[in-house]
Amino acid sequence: MSNNTIIHFKFQDRPYSLLFKTSTEEINMSMLEARICKKVGLDENRMKLKLYYTPLLVGNQEPWIISDDEDLSVYLNSIDNENRRCLLAWFFYSP
């Protein structure tokens, strides 16, 4: 089994992918935020990200906010029977 973790997200209507060459247990919020900012060309020192997703739960349409490493771990380990993960959504703001 591969230790790679792939995360898909959209920014300004363009799809992006991140490849972490590590297991999901080793990924934390600051690491993910830094990689997203680098990928889309945002200054992580001047912007804050708010991460969320819509989980693969029957009857759920509400987005779930990822606010800490535990929430991120739940997101990263939430996969369906075909090993697919929800699309990560986010927006940025100035603190």
PDB file of N, CA and C in Angstrom:
ATOM      1  N   MET A   1       0.834  -1.185   0.000  1.00  0.00           N
ATOM      2  CA  MET A   1       0.000   0.000   0.000  1.00  0.00           C
ATOM      3  C   MET A   1       0.881   1.251   0.000  1.00  0.00           C
ATOM      4  N   SER A   2       0.466   2.237  -0.736  1.00  0.00           N
ATOM      5  CA  SER A   2       1.226   3.473  -0.885  1.00  0.00           C
ATOM      6  C   SER A   2       1.059   4.371   0.334  1.00  0.00           C
ATOM      7  N   ASN A   3       2.110   5.092   0.658  1.00  0.00           N
ATOM      8  CA  ASN A   3       2.047   6.075   1.732  1.00  0.00           C
ATOM      9  C   ASN A   3       1.713   7.456   1.208  1.00  0.00           C
ATOM     10  N   ASN A   4       1.430   7.575  -0.074  1.00  0.00           N
ATOM     11  CA  ASN A   4       1.097   8.874  -0.652  1.00  0.00           C
ATOM     12  C   ASN A   4      -0.327   9.276  -0.304  1.00  0.00           C
ATOM     13  N   THR A   5      -0.525  10.565  -0.077  1.00  0.00           N
ATOM     14  CA  THR A   5      -1.848  11.121   0.175  1.00  0.00           C
ATOM     15  C   THR A   5      -2.102  12.199  -0.863  1.00  0.00           C
ATOM     16  N   ILE A   6      -3.223  12.082  -1.562  1.00  0.00           N
ATOM     17  CA  ILE A   6      -3.587  13.040  -2.606  1.00  0.00           C
ATOM     18  C   ILE A   6      -4.800  13.832  -2.147  1.00  0.00           C
ATOM     19  N   ILE A   7      -4.735  15.143  -2.311  1.00  0.00           N
ATOM     20  CA  ILE A   7      -5.849  16.027  -1.957  1.00  0.00           C
ATOM     21  C   ILE A   7      -6.181  16.873  -3.174  1.00  0.00           C
ATOM     22  N   HIS A   8      -7.458  16.895  -3.536  1.00  0.00           N
ATOM     23  CA  HIS A   8      -7.931  17.700  -4.663  1.00  0.00           C
ATOM     24  C   HIS A   8      -8.702  18.899  -4.123  1.00  0.00           C
ATOM     25  N   PHE A   9      -8.538  20.058  -4.775  1.00  0.00           N
ATOM     26  CA  PHE A   9      -9.292  21.243  -4.396  1.00  0.00           C
ATOM     27  C   PHE A   9      -9.432  22.153  -5.604  1.00  0.00           C
ATOM     28  N   LYS A  10     -10.299  23.141  -5.480  1.00  0.00           N
ATOM     29  CA  LYS A  10     -10.495  24.126  -6.539  1.00  0.00           C
ATOM     30  C   LYS A  10     -10.146  25.507  -6.015  1.00  0.00           C
ATOM     31  N   PHE A  11      -9.599  26.328  -6.904  1.00  0.00           N
ATOM     32  CA  PHE A  11      -9.332  27.725  -6.593  1.00  0.00           C
ATOM     33  C   PHE A  11      -9.632  28.526  -7.845  1.00  0.00           C
ATOM     34  N   GLN A  12     -10.507  29.506  -7.713  1.00  0.00           N
ATOM     35  CA  GLN A  12     -10.935  30.342  -8.837  1.00  0.00           C
ATOM     36  C   GLN A  12     -11.350  29.484 -10.032  1.00  0.00           C
ATOM     37  N   ASP A  13     -12.203  28.496  -9.758  1.00  0.00           N
ATOM     38  CA  ASP A  13     -12.778  27.582 -10.758  1.00  0.00           C
ATOM     39  C   ASP A  13     -11.753  26.715 -11.482  1.00  0.00           C
ATOM     40  N   ARG A  14     -10.561  26.593 -10.946  1.00  0.00           N
ATOM     41  CA  ARG A  14      -9.551  25.720 -11.548  1.00  0.00           C
ATOM     42  C   ARG A  14      -9.229  24.594 -10.573  1.00  0.00           C
ATOM     43  N   PRO A  15      -9.236  23.342 -11.045  1.00  0.00           N
ATOM     44  CA  PRO A  15      -8.901  22.229 -10.148  1.00  0.00           C
ATOM     45  C   PRO A  15      -7.394  22.122  -9.901  1.00  0.00           C
ATOM     46  N   TYR A  16      -7.048  21.762  -8.689  1.00  0.00           N
ATOM     47  CA  TYR A  16      -5.655  21.554  -8.291  1.00  0.00           C
ATOM     48  C   TYR A  16      -5.551  20.235  -7.536  1.00  0.00           C
ATOM     49  N   SER A  17      -4.357  19.696  -7.488  1.00  0.00           N
ATOM     50  CA  SER A  17      -4.078  18.495  -6.702  1.00  0.00           C
ATOM     51  C   SER A  17      -2.790  18.698  -5.922  1.00  0.00           C
ATOM     52  N   LEU A  18      -2.767  18.142  -4.745  1.00  0.00           N
ATOM     53  CA  LEU A  18      -1.561  18.127  -3.921  1.00  0.00           C
ATOM     54  C   LEU A  18      -1.180  16.676  -3.665  1.00  0.00           C
ATOM     55  N   LEU A  19       0.092  16.374  -3.750  1.00  0.00           N
ATOM     56  CA  LEU A  19       0.592  15.043  -3.441  1.00  0.00           C
ATOM     57  C   LEU A  19       1.525  15.152  -2.241  1.00  0.00           C
ATOM     58  N   PHE A  20       1.123  14.524  -1.159  1.00  0.00           N
ATOM     59  CA  PHE A  20       1.972  14.429   0.027  1.00  0.00           C
ATOM     60  C   PHE A  20       2.589  13.036   0.009  1.00  0.00           C
ATOM     61  N   LYS A  21       3.890  12.958   0.011  1.00  0.00           N
ATOM     62  CA  LYS A  21       4.567  11.663  -0.014  1.00  0.00           C
ATOM     63  C   LYS A  21       4.750  11.165   1.412  1.00  0.00           C
ATOM     64  N   THR A  22       3.617  11.048   2.068  1.00  0.00           N
ATOM     65  CA  THR A  22       3.582  10.613   3.458  1.00  0.00           C
ATOM     66  C   THR A  22       2.184  10.081   3.760  1.00  0.00           C
ATOM     67  N   SER A  23       2.035   9.445   4.880  1.00  0.00           N
ATOM     68  CA  SER A  23       0.724   8.926   5.274  1.00  0.00           C
ATOM     69  C   SER A  23      -0.158  10.056   5.802  1.00  0.00           C
ATOM     70  N   THR A  24      -1.445   9.801   5.864  1.00  0.00           N
ATOM     71  CA  THR A  24      -2.388  10.820   6.333  1.00  0.00           C
ATOM     72  C   THR A  24      -2.107  11.229   7.777  1.00  0.00           C
ATOM     73  N   GLU A  25      -1.594  10.315   8.587  1.00  0.00           N
ATOM     74  CA  GLU A  25      -1.340  10.603  10.001  1.00  0.00           C
ATOM     75  C   GLU A  25      -0.268  11.672  10.201  1.00  0.00           C
ATOM     76  N   GLU A  26       0.588  11.861   9.216  1.00  0.00           N
ATOM     77  CA  GLU A  26       1.690  12.808   9.363  1.00  0.00           C
ATOM     78  C   GLU A  26       1.372  14.203   8.829  1.00  0.00           C
ATOM     79  N   ILE A  27       0.194  14.385   8.252  1.00  0.00           N
ATOM     80  CA  ILE A  27      -0.188  15.682   7.682  1.00  0.00           C
ATOM     81  C   ILE A  27      -0.921  16.494   8.739  1.00  0.00           C
ATOM     82  N   ASN A  28      -0.514  17.752   8.919  1.00  0.00           N
ATOM     83  CA  ASN A  28      -1.204  18.612   9.877  1.00  0.00           C
ATOM     84  C   ASN A  28      -1.715  19.875   9.174  1.00  0.00           C
ATOM     85  N   MET A  29      -2.454  20.680   9.910  1.00  0.00           N
ATOM     86  CA  MET A  29      -3.087  21.877   9.342  1.00  0.00           C
ATOM     87  C   MET A  29      -2.067  22.847   8.758  1.00  0.00           C
ATOM     88  N   SER A  30      -1.015  23.135   9.499  1.00  0.00           N
ATOM     89  CA  SER A  30      -0.049  24.119   9.007  1.00  0.00           C
ATOM     90  C   SER A  30       0.642  23.628   7.741  1.00  0.00           C
ATOM     91  N   MET A  31       0.918  22.336   7.661  1.00  0.00           N
ATOM     92  CA  MET A  31       1.528  21.761   6.468  1.00  0.00           C
ATOM     93  C   MET A  31       0.589  21.888   5.264  1.00  0.00           C
ATOM     94  N   LEU A  32      -0.680  21.565   5.462  1.00  0.00           N
ATOM     95  CA  LEU A  32      -1.657  21.643   4.374  1.00  0.00           C
ATOM     96  C   LEU A  32      -1.874  23.087   3.932  1.00  0.00           C
ATOM     97  N   GLU A  33      -2.036  23.998   4.879  1.00  0.00           N
ATOM     98  CA  GLU A  33      -2.236  25.408   4.537  1.00  0.00           C
ATOM     99  C   GLU A  33      -1.043  25.965   3.763  1.00  0.00           C
ATOM    100  N   ALA A  34       0.164  25.614   4.176  1.00  0.00           N
ATOM    101  CA  ALA A  34       1.366  26.089   3.483  1.00  0.00           C
ATOM    102  C   ALA A  34       1.416  25.571   2.050  1.00  0.00           C
ATOM    103  N   ARG A  35       1.072  24.307   1.859  1.00  0.00           N
ATOM    104  CA  ARG A  35       1.105  23.723   0.509  1.00  0.00           C
ATOM    105  C   ARG A  35       0.038  24.332  -0.392  1.00  0.00           C
ATOM    106  N   ILE A  36      -1.159  24.585   0.149  1.00  0.00           N
ATOM    107  CA  ILE A  36      -2.215  25.213  -0.652  1.00  0.00           C
ATOM    108  C   ILE A  36      -1.776  26.611  -1.074  1.00  0.00           C
ATOM    109  N   CYS A  37      -1.285  27.397  -0.125  1.00  0.00           N
ATOM    110  CA  CYS A  37      -0.845  28.765  -0.439  1.00  0.00           C
ATOM    111  C   CYS A  37       0.254  28.761  -1.489  1.00  0.00           C
ATOM    112  N   LYS A  38       1.217  27.877  -1.350  1.00  0.00           N
ATOM    113  CA  LYS A  38       2.307  27.796  -2.320  1.00  0.00           C
ATOM    114  C   LYS A  38       1.773  27.414  -3.697  1.00  0.00           C
ATOM    115  N   LYS A  39       0.863  26.456  -3.739  1.00  0.00           N
ATOM    116  CA  LYS A  39       0.332  25.964  -5.015  1.00  0.00           C
ATOM    117  C   LYS A  39      -0.390  27.061  -5.791  1.00  0.00           C
ATOM    118  N   VAL A  40      -1.154  27.896  -5.099  1.00  0.00           N
ATOM    119  CA  VAL A  40      -1.953  28.918  -5.788  1.00  0.00           C
ATOM    120  C   VAL A  40      -1.312  30.305  -5.747  1.00  0.00           C
ATOM    121  N   GLY A  41      -0.144  30.420  -5.139  1.00  0.00           N
ATOM    122  CA  GLY A  41       0.586  31.679  -5.151  1.00  0.00           C
ATOM    123  C   GLY A  41       0.119  32.710  -4.147  1.00  0.00           C
ATOM    124  N   LEU A  42      -0.372  32.268  -2.996  1.00  0.00           N
ATOM    125  CA  LEU A  42      -0.770  33.190  -1.931  1.00  0.00           C
ATOM    126  C   LEU A  42       0.327  33.257  -0.876  1.00  0.00           C
ATOM    127  N   ASP A  43       0.471  34.402  -0.242  1.00  0.00           N
ATOM    128  CA  ASP A  43       1.431  34.574   0.844  1.00  0.00           C
ATOM    129  C   ASP A  43       0.775  34.087   2.134  1.00  0.00           C
ATOM    130  N   GLU A  44       1.236  32.958   2.635  1.00  0.00           N
ATOM    131  CA  GLU A  44       0.605  32.372   3.821  1.00  0.00           C
ATOM    132  C   GLU A  44       0.774  33.228   5.071  1.00  0.00           C
ATOM    133  N   ASN A  45       1.732  34.155   5.066  1.00  0.00           N
ATOM    134  CA  ASN A  45       1.915  35.046   6.211  1.00  0.00           C
ATOM    135  C   ASN A  45       0.909  36.190   6.214  1.00  0.00           C
ATOM    136  N   ARG A  46       0.291  36.440   5.073  1.00  0.00           N
ATOM    137  CA  ARG A  46      -0.666  37.546   4.963  1.00  0.00           C
ATOM    138  C   ARG A  46      -2.108  37.069   4.826  1.00  0.00           C
ATOM    139  N   MET A  47      -2.304  35.779   4.640  1.00  0.00           N
ATOM    140  CA  MET A  47      -3.639  35.231   4.426  1.00  0.00           C
ATOM    141  C   MET A  47      -3.905  34.104   5.414  1.00  0.00           C
ATOM    142  N   LYS A  48      -5.150  33.947   5.756  1.00  0.00           N
ATOM    143  CA  LYS A  48      -5.599  32.810   6.550  1.00  0.00           C
ATOM    144  C   LYS A  48      -6.570  32.014   5.696  1.00  0.00           C
ATOM    145  N   LEU A  49      -6.535  30.701   5.822  1.00  0.00           N
ATOM    146  CA  LEU A  49      -7.440  29.839   5.075  1.00  0.00           C
ATOM    147  C   LEU A  49      -8.500  29.274   6.001  1.00  0.00           C
ATOM    148  N   LYS A  50      -9.692  29.140   5.472  1.00  0.00           N
ATOM    149  CA  LYS A  50     -10.771  28.445   6.164  1.00  0.00           C
ATOM    150  C   LYS A  50     -11.081  27.225   5.309  1.00  0.00           C
ATOM    151  N   LEU A  51     -10.843  26.034   5.831  1.00  0.00           N
ATOM    152  CA  LEU A  51     -11.022  24.790   5.092  1.00  0.00           C
ATOM    153  C   LEU A  51     -12.331  24.125   5.483  1.00  0.00           C
ATOM    154  N   TYR A  52     -12.993  23.533   4.497  1.00  0.00           N
ATOM    155  CA  TYR A  52     -14.223  22.794   4.769  1.00  0.00           C
ATOM    156  C   TYR A  52     -14.468  21.778   3.666  1.00  0.00           C
ATOM    157  N   TYR A  53     -15.410  20.873   3.916  1.00  0.00           N
ATOM    158  CA  TYR A  53     -15.782  19.852   2.939  1.00  0.00           C
ATOM    159  C   TYR A  53     -17.197  19.384   3.242  1.00  0.00           C
ATOM    160  N   THR A  54     -17.812  18.734   2.272  1.00  0.00           N
ATOM    161  CA  THR A  54     -19.112  18.108   2.488  1.00  0.00           C
ATOM    162  C   THR A  54     -18.860  16.611   2.591  1.00  0.00           C
ATOM    163  N   PRO A  55     -19.050  16.022   3.771  1.00  0.00           N
ATOM    164  CA  PRO A  55     -18.697  14.616   3.968  1.00  0.00           C
ATOM    165  C   PRO A  55     -19.578  13.667   3.154  1.00  0.00           C
ATOM    166  N   LEU A  56     -19.061  12.468   2.959  1.00  0.00           N
ATOM    167  CA  LEU A  56     -19.762  11.435   2.206  1.00  0.00           C
ATOM    168  C   LEU A  56     -20.768  10.720   3.109  1.00  0.00           C
ATOM    169  N   LEU A  57     -21.722  11.468   3.613  1.00  0.00           N
ATOM    170  CA  LEU A  57     -22.754  10.912   4.478  1.00  0.00           C
ATOM    171  C   LEU A  57     -24.106  11.057   3.800  1.00  0.00           C
ATOM    172  N   VAL A  58     -24.890  10.012   3.830  1.00  0.00           N
ATOM    173  CA  VAL A  58     -26.214  10.057   3.221  1.00  0.00           C
ATOM    174  C   VAL A  58     -27.063  11.094   3.936  1.00  0.00           C
ATOM    175  N   GLY A  59     -27.685  11.972   3.162  1.00  0.00           N
ATOM    176  CA  GLY A  59     -28.570  12.975   3.717  1.00  0.00           C
ATOM    177  C   GLY A  59     -27.873  14.222   4.237  1.00  0.00           C
ATOM    178  N   ASN A  60     -26.573  14.288   4.141  1.00  0.00           N
ATOM    179  CA  ASN A  60     -25.860  15.468   4.625  1.00  0.00           C
ATOM    180  C   ASN A  60     -25.493  16.375   3.459  1.00  0.00           C
ATOM    181  N   GLN A  61     -25.880  17.626   3.542  1.00  0.00           N
ATOM    182  CA  GLN A  61     -25.523  18.611   2.527  1.00  0.00           C
ATOM    183  C   GLN A  61     -24.753  19.782   3.124  1.00  0.00           C
ATOM    184  N   GLU A  62     -24.585  19.777   4.431  1.00  0.00           N
ATOM    185  CA  GLU A  62     -23.917  20.886   5.099  1.00  0.00           C
ATOM    186  C   GLU A  62     -22.401  20.715   5.067  1.00  0.00           C
ATOM    187  N   PRO A  63     -21.681  21.809   4.844  1.00  0.00           N
ATOM    188  CA  PRO A  63     -20.219  21.713   4.889  1.00  0.00           C
ATOM    189  C   PRO A  63     -19.727  21.563   6.330  1.00  0.00           C
ATOM    190  N   TRP A  64     -18.689  20.793   6.493  1.00  0.00           N
ATOM    191  CA  TRP A  64     -18.052  20.614   7.789  1.00  0.00           C
ATOM    192  C   TRP A  64     -16.741  21.372   7.772  1.00  0.00           C
ATOM    193  N   ILE A  65     -16.523  22.189   8.776  1.00  0.00           N
ATOM    194  CA  ILE A  65     -15.327  23.024   8.852  1.00  0.00           C
ATOM    195  C   ILE A  65     -14.167  22.214   9.433  1.00  0.00           C
ATOM    196  N   ILE A  66     -13.002  22.397   8.849  1.00  0.00           N
ATOM    197  CA  ILE A  66     -11.773  21.781   9.353  1.00  0.00           C
ATOM    198  C   ILE A  66     -11.039  22.873  10.124  1.00  0.00           C
ATOM    199  N   SER A  67     -11.061  22.777  11.446  1.00  0.00           N
ATOM    200  CA  SER A  67     -10.488  23.856  12.253  1.00  0.00           C
ATOM    201  C   SER A  67      -9.223  23.464  13.008  1.00  0.00           C
ATOM    202  N   ASP A  68      -8.902  22.175  13.037  1.00  0.00           N
ATOM    203  CA  ASP A  68      -7.691  21.751  13.741  1.00  0.00           C
ATOM    204  C   ASP A  68      -7.188  20.430  13.160  1.00  0.00           C
ATOM    205  N   ASP A  69      -6.107  19.920  13.722  1.00  0.00           N
ATOM    206  CA  ASP A  69      -5.497  18.695  13.201  1.00  0.00           C
ATOM    207  C   ASP A  69      -6.421  17.484  13.319  1.00  0.00           C
ATOM    208  N   GLU A  70      -7.228  17.434  14.367  1.00  0.00           N
ATOM    209  CA  GLU A  70      -8.158  16.317  14.522  1.00  0.00           C
ATOM    210  C   GLU A  70      -9.211  16.339  13.416  1.00  0.00           C
ATOM    211  N   ASP A  71      -9.785  17.513  13.136  1.00  0.00           N
ATOM    212  CA  ASP A  71     -10.752  17.636  12.037  1.00  0.00           C
ATOM    213  C   ASP A  71     -10.110  17.245  10.709  1.00  0.00           C
ATOM    214  N   LEU A  72      -8.864  17.663  10.513  1.00  0.00           N
ATOM    215  CA  LEU A  72      -8.152  17.328   9.282  1.00  0.00           C
ATOM    216  C   LEU A  72      -7.951  15.822   9.170  1.00  0.00           C
ATOM    217  N   SER A  73      -7.613  15.182  10.257  1.00  0.00           N
ATOM    218  CA  SER A  73      -7.432  13.731  10.257  1.00  0.00           C
ATOM    219  C   SER A  73      -8.728  13.011   9.888  1.00  0.00           C
ATOM    220  N   VAL A  74      -9.848  13.496  10.407  1.00  0.00           N
ATOM    221  CA  VAL A  74     -11.145  12.909  10.048  1.00  0.00           C
ATOM    222  C   VAL A  74     -11.390  13.066   8.556  1.00  0.00           C
ATOM    223  N   TYR A  75     -11.145  14.260   8.016  1.00  0.00           N
ATOM    224  CA  TYR A  75     -11.314  14.489   6.576  1.00  0.00           C
ATOM    225  C   TYR A  75     -10.425  13.550   5.763  1.00  0.00           C
ATOM    226  N   LEU A  76      -9.156  13.474   6.113  1.00  0.00           N
ATOM    227  CA  LEU A  76      -8.208  12.665   5.344  1.00  0.00           C
ATOM    228  C   LEU A  76      -8.526  11.174   5.395  1.00  0.00           C
ATOM    229  N   ASN A  77      -9.151  10.738   6.469  1.00  0.00           N
ATOM    230  CA  ASN A  77      -9.482   9.320   6.605  1.00  0.00           C
ATOM    231  C   ASN A  77     -10.909   8.989   6.205  1.00  0.00           C
ATOM    232  N   SER A  78     -11.649   9.976   5.715  1.00  0.00           N
ATOM    233  CA  SER A  78     -13.025   9.753   5.251  1.00  0.00           C
ATOM    234  C   SER A  78     -12.997   9.453   3.758  1.00  0.00           C
ATOM    235  N   ILE A  79     -12.993   8.175   3.437  1.00  0.00           N
ATOM    236  CA  ILE A  79     -12.988   7.753   2.039  1.00  0.00           C
ATOM    237  C   ILE A  79     -14.131   6.778   1.813  1.00  0.00           C
ATOM    238  N   ASP A  80     -14.578   6.688   0.562  1.00  0.00           N
ATOM    239  CA  ASP A  80     -15.665   5.763   0.264  1.00  0.00           C
ATOM    240  C   ASP A  80     -15.098   4.383  -0.088  1.00  0.00           C
ATOM    241  N   ASN A  81     -15.978   3.483  -0.521  1.00  0.00           N
ATOM    242  CA  ASN A  81     -15.569   2.109  -0.832  1.00  0.00           C
ATOM    243  C   ASN A  81     -14.580   2.022  -1.986  1.00  0.00           C
ATOM    244  N   GLU A  82     -14.498   3.064  -2.786  1.00  0.00           N
ATOM    245  CA  GLU A  82     -13.573   3.080  -3.918  1.00  0.00           C
ATOM    246  C   GLU A  82     -12.349   3.960  -3.629  1.00  0.00           C
ATOM    247  N   ASN A  83     -12.107   4.210  -2.339  1.00  0.00           N
ATOM    248  CA  ASN A  83     -10.972   5.027  -1.877  1.00  0.00           C
ATOM    249  C   ASN A  83     -10.986   6.449  -2.412  1.00  0.00           C
ATOM    250  N   ARG A  84     -12.176   6.998  -2.597  1.00  0.00           N
ATOM    251  CA  ARG A  84     -12.297   8.394  -3.032  1.00  0.00           C
ATOM    252  C   ARG A  84     -12.570   9.273  -1.825  1.00  0.00           C
ATOM    253  N   ARG A  85     -12.007  10.475  -1.873  1.00  0.00           N
ATOM    254  CA  ARG A  85     -12.165  11.449  -0.796  1.00  0.00           C
ATOM    255  C   ARG A  85     -12.948  12.640  -1.331  1.00  0.00           C
ATOM    256  N   CYS A  86     -13.645  13.335  -0.471  1.00  0.00           N
ATOM    257  CA  CYS A  86     -14.390  14.541  -0.853  1.00  0.00           C
ATOM    258  C   CYS A  86     -13.436  15.614  -1.364  1.00  0.00           C
ATOM    259  N   LEU A  87     -13.968  16.477  -2.201  1.00  0.00           N
ATOM    260  CA  LEU A  87     -13.221  17.634  -2.671  1.00  0.00           C
ATOM    261  C   LEU A  87     -13.062  18.605  -1.501  1.00  0.00           C
ATOM    262  N   LEU A  88     -11.851  19.064  -1.278  1.00  0.00           N
ATOM    263  CA  LEU A  88     -11.589  20.038  -0.225  1.00  0.00           C
ATOM    264  C   LEU A  88     -11.964  21.419  -0.733  1.00  0.00           C
ATOM    265  N   ALA A  89     -12.716  22.143   0.038  1.00  0.00           N
ATOM    266  CA  ALA A  89     -13.098  23.508  -0.331  1.00  0.00           C
ATOM    267  C   ALA A  89     -12.481  24.457   0.686  1.00  0.00           C
ATOM    268  N   TRP A  90     -12.268  25.698   0.267  1.00  0.00           N
ATOM    269  CA  TRP A  90     -11.667  26.666   1.173  1.00  0.00           C
ATOM    270  C   TRP A  90     -11.843  28.060   0.629  1.00  0.00           C
ATOM    271  N   PHE A  91     -11.660  29.011   1.504  1.00  0.00           N
ATOM    272  CA  PHE A  91     -11.587  30.406   1.092  1.00  0.00           C
ATOM    273  C   PHE A  91     -10.520  31.065   1.953  1.00  0.00           C
ATOM    274  N   PHE A  92     -10.017  32.188   1.501  1.00  0.00           N
ATOM    275  CA  PHE A  92      -8.975  32.869   2.255  1.00  0.00           C
ATOM    276  C   PHE A  92      -9.462  34.244   2.666  1.00  0.00           C
ATOM    277  N   TYR A  93      -8.849  34.760   3.705  1.00  0.00           N
ATOM    278  CA  TYR A  93      -9.184  36.090   4.206  1.00  0.00           C
ATOM    279  C   TYR A  93      -7.951  36.686   4.870  1.00  0.00           C
ATOM    280  N   SER A  94      -7.935  37.985   4.990  1.00  0.00           N
ATOM    281  CA  SER A  94      -6.839  38.670   5.681  1.00  0.00           C
ATOM    282  C   SER A  94      -7.153  38.716   7.164  1.00  0.00           C
ATOM    283  N   PRO A  95      -6.208  38.323   8.013  1.00  0.00           N
ATOM    284  CA  PRO A  95      -6.472  38.320   9.465  1.00  0.00           C
ATOM    285  C   PRO A  95      -6.557  39.724  10.028  1.00  0.00           C
TER     286      PRO A  95
END
